[in-house]
Amino acid sequence: MYILGLNAYHGDSSACIYKDGILIAGTEEERIRRIKHWAGLPTEAIRFCLGEANIGLEDVDHITVSRDPKAKLGSKLLHTLKNRVSIKALLNRGSNSLKINSIGEEIAKEFGLEFSKLKAKVQFIEHHRSHMASAFHISPFEKSAILSIDGMGDFSSTMRGIGTGNKLEVIDSVSYPHSLGIFYTTFTQYLGFPHYGDEYKVMGLSPYGTPKYADDILGEVIHLKSNGLFELNGDYFRHFKEGVNMNWNGGIPDVDAIFSEKMIEKFGPLRKKGEKLSQYHMDLAASVQKVSEVVIFHMAEDLFKKTGLKNLCITGGCAQNSVANGKLLENTSFEKLFVPPAGHDAGTATGSALYYYHHVLGNPRMPFKPEPYTGIAFTNLEVKEYLNTREVEFKELTDEELFEHVSSALHGGSVVGWFQGKAEFGPRALGNRSILADPSRDDAKALLNDKIKKRESFRPFAPSILNEFVPEYFVQVDEVPFMEKVYDIKPEKHEKIPAVTHVNGTGRLQTVDFETNPRYHSLITKFYQKSGIPILLNTSFNENEPIVNTPEHALECFLRTKMDMLVIENCVIER
């Protein structure tokens, strides 16, 4: 049985293909089209997935979509009648719903297949049920509480439930317009970061400030409810009355300003894009982060009390808040936490397929296996053929020679573009599409920001560490293969690895083991043998663009930046 899972006509559009419950391939449309957070019908991702499965669209048994236009229909109508939602927002919402409802016809048309010959029936799976399935059904837990939090999908912004075996049970939800994701996005815009997906910049900025305005925000802008959930004060947000105006022209998601005039009256003038960050902005970012953590912990602890379960899966766009994830177990009664590699909306493609296969059809779950590497891969022969067409000078090394040569270059101060195996599915580069550097270099952050990444100096870089060395370097000991939690680096190690130690002494941890990624593990091991440090600085292989997907993308990024070395499989290019 083949199931094609989709996140379509939504930010971070994506596709995946399962065969009898086993994931064959999955990728985000942005990786192929080269437009960040691409929104629309993920035709190129579908094409890739079908190719990896070696089937045609006519062979697919079910198409699952992580949207259900019928979900909370009564609540949608009531909200529209009670508020003067803008005509623009209503038209956008109506157009989007029409596209979702006709998605089967659109896919068949795109692939030159008569709709009548499309065997697959389209199954609409509610957005947050898809989120929940994307976490629980791939987790190591037989039974777990589940918390899904994001901006909004199918008129819900939060959903809580329980996963048992192959079934999901919804306990409760928070309906739009109340939304922790929109709360964070609104302050992100207010702080001068206007683009879709900029929330991580506020998270990175927050350690530079103190949360002195948290009390002004909690209880006034957002407040906790006795039922374990939360509410927003609609006076501070435009979307309560006007809706959220979103444009998807050319596949580029764009969200109009959500903050109201009252927000400006309360917190002062907006920071203009490019305006120098003041201490006030840093303190406000710290306050927003703090309040978000309080709300997440409040909902999680109440969920623990309602379920009595020791395990928690957290997912949704707010689950990308790795700072909050790293503090969750210390601030709640849960004992174990699982965060999926793609907790954001792209992951709902896999979630919709998993929900239908397990919950609806009743099939048993597969044994737990970390599988973040589901994208495109290239053989050495394909890489060499491409590099020869570009007339690029390169050398091909054996594996042993490669790890020796690259680790020596890193130890000598080189910045390396590292392109190996299947691309990651999710927002993090986990050692297959990464830029690597020596974490002991004081100048590594400045070098990467100024000469390669072209990004804000306050944003941190991540440490990839050999799993067995976590207790030596980190206060909290955990396996974090998907780089989804920020933990405290031991104070005595700060000076040893300054390039991956954030201003508050933390690091966004990625643990690396041989079974999950043998080549990355081997490279770090070789570097450790030379340097005495079992860690590499890891950042995504890109330059203000989606993470590179092909040898062409990697070479172009290398040529227009000041990277010292490019490694594509066993082929090495040096300046």
Protein backbone atom coordinates (compact mmCIF):
# COMPACT_ATOMS: atom_id res chain seq x y z
CA MET A 1 0.00 0.00 0.00
CA TYR A 2 1.39 3.36 -1.06
CA ILE A 3 0.35 6.53 0.78
CA LEU A 4 1.36 9.94 -0.54
CA GLY A 5 1.32 12.47 2.31
CA LEU A 6 1.10 16.19 1.61
CA ASN A 7 1.29 19.56 3.28
CA ALA A 8 -0.22 21.70 0.53
CA TYR A 9 -1.31 25.32 0.00
CA HIS A 10 0.38 26.20 3.29
CA GLY A 11 3.79 27.44 4.37
CA ASP A 12 6.58 24.82 4.25
CA SER A 13 4.73 22.71 1.68
CA SER A 14 6.08 19.18 1.48
CA ALA A 15 5.47 15.61 0.36
CA CYS A 16 6.36 12.10 1.50
CA ILE A 17 5.70 8.55 0.33
CA TYR A 18 5.11 5.50 2.51
CA LYS A 19 4.97 1.86 1.45
CA ASP A 20 3.22 -0.40 3.95
CA GLY A 21 3.98 2.01 6.75
CA ILE A 22 7.67 2.42 5.90
CA LEU A 23 8.88 5.89 4.89
CA ILE A 24 10.60 5.76 1.51
CA ALA A 25 11.16 9.47 0.90
CA GLY A 26 10.15 12.91 2.10
CA THR A 27 11.20 16.44 1.23
CA GLU A 28 10.14 20.06 1.38
CA GLU A 29 9.21 21.89 -1.77
CA GLU A 30 11.50 24.78 -0.85
CA ARG A 31 14.58 22.59 -1.26
CA ILE A 32 13.79 22.08 -4.94
CA ARG A 33 12.24 25.43 -5.90
CA ARG A 34 14.80 27.39 -3.82
CA ILE A 35 12.17 29.65 -2.22
CA LYS A 36 12.14 29.66 1.59
CA HIS A 37 8.97 28.26 3.20
CA TRP A 38 7.43 27.73 -0.25
CA ALA A 39 3.63 27.53 -0.11
CA GLY A 40 1.39 25.88 -2.68
CA LEU A 41 0.92 22.47 -4.23
CA PRO A 42 4.27 20.63 -3.72
CA THR A 43 4.47 19.21 -7.22
CA GLU A 44 8.26 18.90 -7.33
CA ALA A 45 8.36 17.19 -3.94
CA ILE A 46 5.64 14.79 -5.15
CA ARG A 47 7.63 14.08 -8.30
CA PHE A 48 10.73 13.32 -6.24
CA CYS A 49 8.87 11.00 -3.85
CA LEU A 50 7.22 9.05 -6.67
CA GLY A 51 10.60 8.70 -8.33
CA GLU A 52 12.21 7.38 -5.15
CA ALA A 53 9.40 4.83 -4.81
CA ASN A 54 9.76 4.02 -8.53
CA ILE A 55 6.01 4.32 -9.09
CA GLY A 56 3.60 6.57 -10.93
CA LEU A 57 0.78 8.63 -9.48
CA GLU A 58 -1.65 5.96 -10.71
CA ASP A 59 0.00 3.45 -8.34
CA VAL A 60 -0.73 5.46 -5.20
CA ASP A 61 -3.48 3.97 -3.01
CA HIS A 62 -4.20 6.98 -0.80
CA ILE A 63 -3.34 10.68 -0.83
CA THR A 64 -3.46 12.28 2.60
CA VAL A 65 -3.54 16.04 3.11
CA SER A 66 -2.85 17.68 6.46
CA ARG A 67 -5.91 19.88 6.23
CA ASP A 68 -9.61 19.27 6.82
CA PRO A 69 -11.83 22.08 5.50
CA LYS A 70 -14.74 20.70 7.54
CA ALA A 71 -12.93 20.89 10.88
CA LYS A 72 -14.50 23.32 13.38
CA LEU A 73 -16.77 24.64 10.64
CA GLY A 74 -19.29 25.97 13.14
CA SER A 75 -16.62 27.86 15.06
CA LYS A 76 -15.33 29.38 11.81
CA LEU A 77 -18.78 30.62 10.81
CA LEU A 78 -19.52 31.99 14.28
CA HIS A 79 -16.20 33.87 14.40
CA THR A 80 -16.83 35.37 10.94
CA LEU A 81 -20.34 36.51 11.89
CA LYS A 82 -19.22 38.02 15.21
CA ASN A 83 -16.27 39.94 13.73
CA ARG A 84 -15.83 42.20 10.76
CA VAL A 85 -13.20 40.01 9.15
CA SER A 86 -11.66 41.79 6.18
CA ILE A 87 -12.85 40.95 2.68
CA LYS A 88 -9.24 40.28 1.72
CA ALA A 89 -8.84 37.68 4.48
CA LEU A 90 -12.16 36.03 3.58
CA LEU A 91 -11.25 35.84 -0.10
CA ASN A 92 -7.83 34.38 0.71
CA ARG A 93 -9.40 31.82 3.03
CA GLY A 94 -12.07 30.91 0.48
CA SER A 95 -9.57 30.54 -2.33
CA ASN A 96 -7.36 28.35 -0.17
CA SER A 97 -10.29 26.09 0.79
CA LEU A 98 -11.29 25.66 -2.84
CA LYS A 99 -7.75 24.59 -3.72
CA ILE A 100 -7.67 22.07 -0.89
CA ASN A 101 -11.04 20.59 -1.85
CA SER A 102 -9.96 20.13 -5.47
CA ILE A 103 -6.45 18.89 -4.71
CA GLY A 104 -7.00 15.46 -6.28
CA GLU A 105 -7.97 17.02 -9.59
CA GLU A 106 -5.02 19.45 -9.42
CA ILE A 107 -2.48 16.68 -8.79
CA ALA A 108 -3.90 14.49 -11.57
CA LYS A 109 -3.78 17.42 -13.97
CA GLU A 110 -0.18 18.25 -13.03
CA PHE A 111 0.94 14.69 -13.73
CA GLY A 112 -1.02 14.28 -16.96
CA LEU A 113 -3.42 11.72 -15.54
CA GLU A 114 -7.17 11.73 -16.08
CA PHE A 115 -8.85 12.27 -12.73
CA SER A 116 -11.08 9.25 -13.34
CA LYS A 117 -7.96 7.09 -13.56
CA LEU A 118 -6.62 8.27 -10.23
CA LYS A 119 -6.94 5.24 -7.97
CA ALA A 120 -6.09 7.12 -4.81
CA LYS A 121 -8.81 8.74 -2.76
CA VAL A 122 -7.91 12.00 -1.03
CA GLN A 123 -8.10 11.76 2.76
CA PHE A 124 -8.33 15.04 4.65
CA ILE A 125 -6.64 14.85 8.06
CA GLU A 126 -7.06 17.71 10.53
CA HIS A 127 -3.95 19.87 10.81
CA HIS A 128 -3.16 19.28 14.47
CA ARG A 129 -4.02 15.58 14.34
CA SER A 130 -1.39 15.43 11.58
CA HIS A 131 1.07 17.26 13.83
CA MET A 132 0.34 14.88 16.68
CA ALA A 133 0.76 11.80 14.51
CA SER A 134 4.03 13.16 13.05
CA ALA A 135 5.48 13.03 16.56
CA PHE A 136 3.82 10.16 18.41
CA HIS A 137 3.78 7.57 15.63
CA ILE A 138 7.56 7.89 15.12
CA SER A 139 8.39 8.20 18.83
CA PRO A 140 9.86 5.43 20.99
CA PHE A 141 6.80 5.57 23.27
CA GLU A 142 4.01 2.98 23.36
CA LYS A 143 1.90 5.49 25.29
CA SER A 144 2.41 9.21 25.63
CA ALA A 145 0.80 12.57 26.23
CA ILE A 146 0.93 14.79 23.14
CA LEU A 147 1.05 18.58 22.90
CA SER A 148 0.78 20.32 19.53
CA ILE A 149 1.23 24.11 19.41
CA ASP A 150 1.56 26.43 16.41
CA GLY A 151 0.09 29.53 14.78
CA MET A 152 -3.12 28.08 13.41
CA GLY A 153 -4.38 25.22 11.28
CA ASP A 154 -7.98 24.20 10.68
CA PHE A 155 -9.05 26.88 13.18
CA SER A 156 -7.02 25.37 16.03
CA SER A 157 -3.75 26.68 17.42
CA THR A 158 -3.18 24.06 20.11
CA MET A 159 -4.29 20.48 20.59
CA ARG A 160 -3.63 18.13 23.49
CA GLY A 161 -4.13 14.42 23.53
CA ILE A 162 -2.90 10.90 24.25
CA GLY A 163 -1.26 8.39 21.95
CA THR A 164 -1.65 4.70 22.71
CA GLY A 165 -0.30 2.07 20.35
CA ASN A 166 -1.61 3.06 16.94
CA LYS A 167 -4.41 5.35 18.17
CA LEU A 168 -4.66 9.03 19.04
CA GLU A 169 -7.19 10.56 21.41
CA VAL A 170 -7.82 14.31 21.47
CA ILE A 171 -8.42 15.75 24.94
CA ASP A 172 -8.94 19.44 24.14
CA SER A 173 -7.81 22.29 21.92
CA VAL A 174 -7.42 26.05 21.69
CA SER A 175 -9.35 27.68 18.87
CA TYR A 176 -8.32 30.62 16.70
CA PRO A 177 -7.94 33.57 17.24
CA HIS A 178 -6.18 32.56 20.48
CA SER A 179 -2.73 31.32 19.51
CA LEU A 180 0.69 31.11 21.12
CA GLY A 181 2.27 30.94 17.67
CA ILE A 182 0.54 34.15 16.59
CA PHE A 183 1.54 35.75 19.91
CA TYR A 184 5.21 35.00 19.17
CA THR A 185 4.89 36.03 15.50
CA THR A 186 3.30 39.35 16.48
CA PHE A 187 6.21 40.31 18.71
CA THR A 188 8.63 39.03 16.06
CA GLN A 189 7.11 41.53 13.63
CA TYR A 190 7.10 44.25 16.28
CA LEU A 191 10.83 43.69 16.88
CA GLY A 192 11.58 44.32 13.20
CA PHE A 193 11.76 40.78 11.81
CA PRO A 194 8.91 40.80 9.26
CA HIS A 195 9.46 37.64 7.24
CA TYR A 196 7.52 34.42 7.55
CA GLY A 197 9.55 32.11 9.79
CA ASP A 198 11.64 34.80 11.52
CA GLU A 199 10.60 33.71 15.03
CA TYR A 200 13.88 31.87 15.61
CA LYS A 201 15.65 35.23 15.46
CA VAL A 202 13.76 36.40 18.55
CA MET A 203 14.70 33.14 20.29
CA GLY A 204 18.37 33.73 19.39
CA LEU A 205 18.23 37.35 20.53
CA SER A 206 16.53 36.65 23.87
CA PRO A 207 19.66 35.58 25.85
CA TYR A 208 21.12 39.05 25.31
CA GLY A 209 18.36 40.57 27.42
CA THR A 210 16.61 40.10 30.74
CA PRO A 211 12.87 39.31 30.90
CA LYS A 212 12.01 42.50 32.76
CA TYR A 213 8.74 42.99 30.80
CA ALA A 214 7.43 39.46 31.29
CA ASP A 215 4.96 40.61 33.95
CA ASP A 216 3.66 43.34 31.63
CA ILE A 217 2.96 40.71 28.99
CA LEU A 218 1.67 37.78 31.06
CA GLY A 219 -1.77 38.58 32.36
CA GLU A 220 -2.18 41.59 30.07
CA VAL A 221 -1.39 40.44 26.52
CA ILE A 222 -1.75 36.73 27.21
CA HIS A 223 -3.06 35.01 30.30
CA LEU A 224 -3.24 31.49 31.67
CA LYS A 225 -6.56 29.73 32.22
CA SER A 226 -7.48 27.39 35.04
CA ASN A 227 -8.26 24.62 32.53
CA GLY A 228 -4.58 24.41 31.61
CA LEU A 229 -4.87 26.48 28.43
CA PHE A 230 -4.51 30.22 27.65
CA GLU A 231 -6.17 33.22 26.02
CA LEU A 232 -4.93 36.30 24.18
CA ASN A 233 -6.16 39.82 24.84
CA GLY A 234 -7.66 40.70 21.47
CA ASP A 235 -7.00 44.41 21.97
CA TYR A 236 -3.32 43.85 21.15
CA PHE A 237 -3.88 41.93 17.91
CA ARG A 238 -5.50 42.84 14.60
CA HIS A 239 -6.42 39.30 13.62
CA PHE A 240 -9.29 39.07 16.13
CA LYS A 241 -11.34 41.46 13.99
CA GLU A 242 -9.60 41.49 10.65
CA GLY A 243 -8.25 37.96 10.27
CA VAL A 244 -4.70 37.11 9.23
CA ASN A 245 -4.01 38.39 5.73
CA MET A 246 -1.56 36.04 4.04
CA ASN A 247 -0.26 36.23 0.50
CA TRP A 248 1.32 33.31 -1.36
CA ASN A 249 2.31 35.03 -4.59
CA GLY A 250 5.04 33.07 -6.34
CA GLY A 251 4.98 30.58 -3.48
CA ILE A 252 6.53 33.09 -1.07
CA PRO A 253 4.48 33.25 2.16
CA ASP A 254 3.94 36.76 3.43
CA VAL A 255 1.91 37.77 6.49
CA ASP A 256 0.55 41.27 7.05
CA ALA A 257 1.27 43.00 10.37
CA ILE A 258 -0.77 41.47 13.19
CA PHE A 259 -0.04 43.90 16.06
CA SER A 260 -2.60 46.58 16.86
CA GLU A 261 -2.14 50.24 17.80
CA LYS A 262 -2.56 49.24 21.44
CA MET A 263 0.60 47.12 21.16
CA ILE A 264 2.50 50.21 20.04
CA GLU A 265 0.94 52.33 22.81
CA LYS A 266 1.95 49.75 25.40
CA PHE A 267 5.45 48.84 24.21
CA GLY A 268 6.57 51.93 22.28
CA PRO A 269 7.54 52.56 18.64
CA LEU A 270 8.11 49.63 16.35
CA ARG A 271 11.66 48.68 15.53
CA LYS A 272 12.16 49.34 11.84
CA LYS A 273 13.83 46.70 9.70
CA GLY A 274 17.59 47.30 9.81
CA GLU A 275 17.38 49.61 12.84
CA LYS A 276 20.12 48.93 15.39
CA LEU A 277 18.99 46.61 18.15
CA SER A 278 18.80 48.35 21.52
CA GLN A 279 18.89 46.82 24.98
CA TYR A 280 15.15 47.43 25.15
CA HIS A 281 14.63 45.21 22.11
CA MET A 282 16.80 42.50 23.68
CA ASP A 283 14.91 42.71 26.97
CA LEU A 284 11.58 42.54 25.18
CA ALA A 285 12.76 39.48 23.22
CA ALA A 286 13.82 37.85 26.50
CA SER A 287 10.42 38.67 27.98
CA VAL A 288 8.50 37.21 25.04
CA GLN A 289 10.60 34.04 25.19
CA LYS A 290 10.07 33.78 28.96
CA VAL A 291 6.30 34.20 28.69
CA SER A 292 6.11 31.63 25.90
CA GLU A 293 7.97 29.15 28.08
CA VAL A 294 5.60 29.81 30.98
CA VAL A 295 2.59 29.16 28.75
CA ILE A 296 4.09 25.95 27.32
CA PHE A 297 5.00 24.63 30.77
CA HIS A 298 1.53 25.54 32.07
CA MET A 299 -0.17 23.55 29.31
CA ALA A 300 2.24 20.64 29.63
CA GLU A 301 1.98 20.35 33.43
CA ASP A 302 -1.80 20.44 33.27
CA LEU A 303 -1.66 17.74 30.57
CA PHE A 304 0.47 15.62 32.92
CA LYS A 305 -2.11 16.04 35.67
CA LYS A 306 -4.92 15.06 33.29
CA THR A 307 -3.14 11.99 31.90
CA GLY A 308 -0.71 10.84 34.59
CA LEU A 309 1.68 9.82 31.82
CA LYS A 310 5.44 10.19 32.15
CA ASN A 311 6.16 10.57 28.42
CA LEU A 312 5.44 13.65 26.33
CA CYS A 313 5.60 14.29 22.58
CA ILE A 314 5.64 17.97 21.64
CA THR A 315 5.11 19.15 18.08
CA GLY A 316 3.87 22.03 15.92
CA GLY A 317 5.69 25.20 14.93
CA CYS A 318 6.20 26.19 18.58
CA ALA A 319 8.02 22.89 19.12
CA GLN A 320 10.83 24.44 17.07
CA ASN A 321 11.47 26.57 20.15
CA SER A 322 14.47 24.52 21.19
CA VAL A 323 15.14 26.77 24.20
CA ALA A 324 11.74 25.92 25.71
CA ASN A 325 12.18 22.24 24.82
CA GLY A 326 15.45 22.11 26.73
CA LYS A 327 13.77 23.41 29.89
CA LEU A 328 10.52 21.46 29.69
CA LEU A 329 11.41 18.40 31.76
CA GLU A 330 12.93 20.56 34.52
CA ASN A 331 9.75 22.66 34.70
CA THR A 332 7.11 19.93 34.51
CA SER A 333 6.48 16.48 35.96
CA PHE A 334 7.18 14.66 32.70
CA GLU A 335 10.21 12.37 32.67
CA LYS A 336 10.81 11.83 28.95
CA LEU A 337 10.33 14.18 25.99
CA PHE A 338 10.30 13.40 22.27
CA VAL A 339 10.48 16.14 19.62
CA PRO A 340 10.30 15.02 15.95
CA PRO A 341 12.87 16.17 13.36
CA ALA A 342 10.14 18.05 11.47
CA GLY A 343 7.79 19.42 14.09
CA HIS A 344 6.93 22.38 11.86
CA ASP A 345 4.24 22.35 9.17
CA ALA A 346 6.33 20.42 6.65
CA GLY A 347 6.16 17.48 9.04
CA THR A 348 2.39 17.32 8.77
CA ALA A 349 2.84 15.61 5.41
CA THR A 350 4.26 12.58 7.22
CA GLY A 351 1.77 13.06 10.05
CA SER A 352 -1.26 12.92 7.77
CA ALA A 353 -0.01 9.68 6.19
CA LEU A 354 0.83 8.13 9.57
CA TYR A 355 -2.52 9.13 11.08
CA TYR A 356 -4.44 7.53 8.23
CA TYR A 357 -2.30 4.38 8.12
CA HIS A 358 -2.27 3.75 11.87
CA HIS A 359 -5.26 5.48 13.45
CA VAL A 360 -7.80 5.16 10.65
CA LEU A 361 -6.76 1.88 9.00
CA GLY A 362 -5.60 0.32 12.27
CA ASN A 363 -2.17 -0.86 11.15
CA PRO A 364 0.48 -1.44 13.84
CA ARG A 365 3.37 1.00 14.25
CA MET A 366 6.88 0.26 13.08
CA PRO A 367 9.74 -0.20 15.60
CA PHE A 368 11.33 3.09 16.60
CA LYS A 369 14.06 4.24 14.25
CA PRO A 370 15.43 7.80 13.88
CA GLU A 371 14.95 8.72 10.22
CA PRO A 372 15.61 12.40 9.53
CA TYR A 373 17.50 11.65 6.29
CA THR A 374 14.77 11.10 3.69
CA GLY A 375 15.67 13.48 0.85
CA ILE A 376 17.69 13.27 -2.33
CA ALA A 377 21.12 11.61 -2.53
CA PHE A 378 23.82 11.36 -5.21
CA THR A 379 26.41 8.72 -6.05
CA ASN A 380 30.08 9.57 -6.43
CA LEU A 381 29.73 8.91 -10.15
CA GLU A 382 26.91 11.44 -10.44
CA VAL A 383 28.91 13.99 -8.46
CA LYS A 384 32.02 13.53 -10.63
CA GLU A 385 30.01 13.79 -13.83
CA TYR A 386 28.46 17.05 -12.66
CA LEU A 387 31.77 18.57 -11.49
CA ASN A 388 33.37 17.66 -14.81
CA THR A 389 30.63 19.56 -16.68
CA ARG A 390 31.57 22.62 -14.59
CA GLU A 391 35.28 22.08 -15.30
CA VAL A 392 36.00 22.24 -11.57
CA GLU A 393 39.26 20.86 -10.24
CA PHE A 394 38.63 18.23 -7.57
CA LYS A 395 40.12 15.08 -6.09
CA GLU A 396 38.35 11.87 -5.17
CA LEU A 397 39.43 10.22 -1.92
CA THR A 398 38.70 6.92 -0.25
CA ASP A 399 36.61 7.10 2.94
CA GLU A 400 39.69 6.75 5.14
CA GLU A 401 41.56 9.41 3.19
CA LEU A 402 38.51 11.68 3.22
CA PHE A 403 37.98 11.67 6.99
CA GLU A 404 41.71 12.17 7.56
CA HIS A 405 41.99 15.04 5.07
CA VAL A 406 38.83 16.91 6.08
CA SER A 407 39.44 16.57 9.82
CA SER A 408 42.97 17.95 9.34
CA ALA A 409 41.58 20.90 7.40
CA LEU A 410 39.02 21.61 10.12
CA HIS A 411 41.68 21.36 12.81
CA GLY A 412 43.79 23.76 10.78
CA GLY A 413 41.05 26.39 10.72
CA SER A 414 39.22 25.68 7.46
CA VAL A 415 35.49 26.15 7.00
CA VAL A 416 34.06 23.14 5.18
CA GLY A 417 30.87 22.61 3.20
CA TRP A 418 29.88 19.00 3.95
CA PHE A 419 27.40 17.33 1.54
CA GLN A 420 26.70 13.64 2.18
CA GLY A 421 23.99 11.05 1.59
CA LYS A 422 20.29 11.83 1.78
CA ALA A 423 19.17 15.37 2.57
CA GLU A 424 17.53 16.00 5.92
CA PHE A 425 13.75 16.37 6.20
CA GLY A 426 13.13 19.26 8.56
CA PRO A 427 14.56 22.70 9.28
CA ARG A 428 17.86 21.54 10.79
CA ALA A 429 21.04 20.51 9.01
CA LEU A 430 22.07 17.33 10.81
CA GLY A 431 25.38 16.51 9.19
CA ASN A 432 24.37 15.74 5.62
CA ARG A 433 23.95 19.31 4.33
CA SER A 434 26.11 21.24 6.79
CA ILE A 435 28.81 23.88 7.00
CA LEU A 436 31.39 22.77 9.57
CA ALA A 437 34.12 24.50 11.57
CA ASP A 438 36.35 24.05 14.62
CA PRO A 439 34.27 25.00 17.71
CA SER A 440 37.39 26.06 19.63
CA ARG A 441 38.07 29.02 17.32
CA ASP A 442 37.24 32.39 18.87
CA ASP A 443 36.77 33.90 15.42
CA ALA A 444 34.61 31.15 13.92
CA LYS A 445 31.25 32.87 14.57
CA ALA A 446 32.40 36.17 13.08
CA LEU A 447 33.97 34.41 10.11
CA LEU A 448 30.84 32.42 9.31
CA ASN A 449 28.51 35.38 9.74
CA ASP A 450 30.62 37.89 7.80
CA LYS A 451 31.94 35.74 4.96
CA ILE A 452 29.40 32.96 4.45
CA LYS A 453 26.05 33.10 6.25
CA LYS A 454 25.48 36.87 5.96
CA ARG A 455 23.22 36.82 8.99
CA GLU A 456 22.74 38.59 12.33
CA SER A 457 25.66 38.27 14.74
CA PHE A 458 23.44 37.39 17.71
CA ARG A 459 22.30 34.06 16.24
CA PRO A 460 24.12 31.02 17.67
CA PHE A 461 25.75 28.02 15.97
CA ALA A 462 25.14 24.47 17.07
CA PRO A 463 27.52 21.89 18.54
CA SER A 464 27.40 18.38 17.00
CA ILE A 465 28.87 16.11 19.64
CA LEU A 466 29.71 12.41 19.78
CA ASN A 467 26.94 10.90 21.88
CA GLU A 468 29.26 9.36 24.48
CA PHE A 469 30.81 12.72 25.37
CA VAL A 470 27.60 14.56 26.30
CA PRO A 471 28.09 14.12 30.09
CA GLU A 472 31.56 15.66 29.82
CA TYR A 473 30.37 18.85 28.10
CA PHE A 474 26.70 19.38 29.01
CA VAL A 475 24.89 19.81 32.32
CA GLN A 476 21.84 17.92 31.09
CA VAL A 477 22.52 14.47 29.67
CA ASP A 478 20.22 13.42 26.84
CA GLU A 479 20.15 11.98 23.34
CA VAL A 480 19.19 14.81 20.98
CA PRO A 481 19.70 13.52 17.42
CA PHE A 482 17.54 16.17 15.74
CA MET A 483 19.08 19.30 17.33
CA GLU A 484 15.76 20.09 18.98
CA LYS A 485 16.82 21.10 22.51
CA VAL A 486 19.05 23.81 23.97
CA TYR A 487 20.98 22.73 27.04
CA ASP A 488 23.55 24.27 29.41
CA ILE A 489 27.19 23.77 28.49
CA LYS A 490 29.33 23.12 31.58
CA PRO A 491 31.01 26.39 32.66
CA GLU A 492 34.50 24.92 32.52
CA LYS A 493 33.97 24.07 28.83
CA HIS A 494 32.88 27.55 27.67
CA GLU A 495 36.41 28.68 26.81
CA LYS A 496 37.18 25.36 25.13
CA ILE A 497 34.29 25.61 22.63
CA PRO A 498 33.49 29.35 22.38
CA ALA A 499 32.15 29.18 18.82
CA VAL A 500 29.18 27.01 19.87
CA THR A 501 28.63 28.48 23.35
CA HIS A 502 25.87 31.09 23.26
CA VAL A 503 26.09 34.29 25.30
CA ASN A 504 24.16 32.64 28.18
CA GLY A 505 26.34 29.53 28.25
CA THR A 506 23.99 27.25 26.31
CA GLY A 507 24.20 25.26 23.08
CA ARG A 508 21.59 23.81 20.73
CA LEU A 509 22.67 20.23 21.11
CA GLN A 510 22.91 17.59 18.38
CA THR A 511 24.11 14.19 19.52
CA VAL A 512 25.70 12.03 16.83
CA ASP A 513 25.92 8.24 16.94
CA PHE A 514 27.47 5.85 14.43
CA GLU A 515 24.26 3.94 13.72
CA THR A 516 22.24 6.98 12.66
CA ASN A 517 24.97 8.81 10.70
CA PRO A 518 28.18 6.76 10.35
CA ARG A 519 30.00 9.21 8.04
CA TYR A 520 29.39 12.28 10.20
CA HIS A 521 30.30 10.27 13.31
CA SER A 522 33.53 9.12 11.65
CA LEU A 523 34.50 12.68 10.72
CA ILE A 524 33.90 14.02 14.24
CA THR A 525 35.85 11.07 15.67
CA LYS A 526 38.84 11.87 13.45
CA PHE A 527 38.62 15.54 14.46
CA TYR A 528 38.54 14.50 18.13
CA GLN A 529 41.68 12.40 17.67
CA LYS A 530 43.50 15.47 16.35
CA SER A 531 42.05 18.19 18.58
CA GLY A 532 40.90 16.49 21.75
CA ILE A 533 37.44 18.00 21.15
CA PRO A 534 34.61 15.57 20.23
CA ILE A 535 32.52 18.37 18.72
CA LEU A 536 32.15 20.21 15.44
CA LEU A 537 30.41 23.52 14.84
CA ASN A 538 27.45 22.71 12.60
CA THR A 539 25.30 25.19 10.71
CA SER A 540 23.04 24.71 7.72
CA PHE A 541 24.66 24.63 4.28
CA ASN A 542 23.09 27.75 2.75
CA GLU A 543 23.43 31.48 2.40
CA ASN A 544 20.07 33.16 3.06
CA GLU A 545 18.32 30.50 0.99
CA PRO A 546 16.86 27.04 1.60
CA ILE A 547 19.43 24.42 2.62
CA VAL A 548 21.31 23.14 -0.43
CA ASN A 549 19.77 20.06 -2.01
CA THR A 550 21.97 19.11 -4.98
CA PRO A 551 25.66 19.26 -5.95
CA GLU A 552 24.82 22.27 -8.11
CA HIS A 553 23.36 24.17 -5.13
CA ALA A 554 26.39 23.23 -3.01
CA LEU A 555 28.92 24.31 -5.63
CA GLU A 556 27.16 27.61 -6.31
CA CYS A 557 27.06 28.40 -2.56
CA PHE A 558 30.76 27.50 -2.26
CA LEU A 559 31.75 29.70 -5.21
CA ARG A 560 29.90 32.82 -4.04
CA THR A 561 31.11 32.60 -0.43
CA LYS A 562 34.53 32.27 1.18
CA MET A 563 34.33 28.67 2.29
CA ASP A 564 37.73 26.97 2.24
CA MET A 565 36.66 23.48 1.20
CA LEU A 566 33.69 21.76 -0.38
CA VAL A 567 33.15 18.04 0.13
CA ILE A 568 30.45 16.34 -1.94
CA GLU A 569 30.44 12.63 -1.11
CA ASN A 570 34.11 11.63 -1.67
CA CYS A 571 34.94 14.53 -3.99
CA VAL A 572 36.91 17.41 -2.49
CA ILE A 573 37.26 20.93 -3.89
CA GLU A 574 39.66 23.37 -2.26
CA ARG A 575 40.44 27.02 -2.91
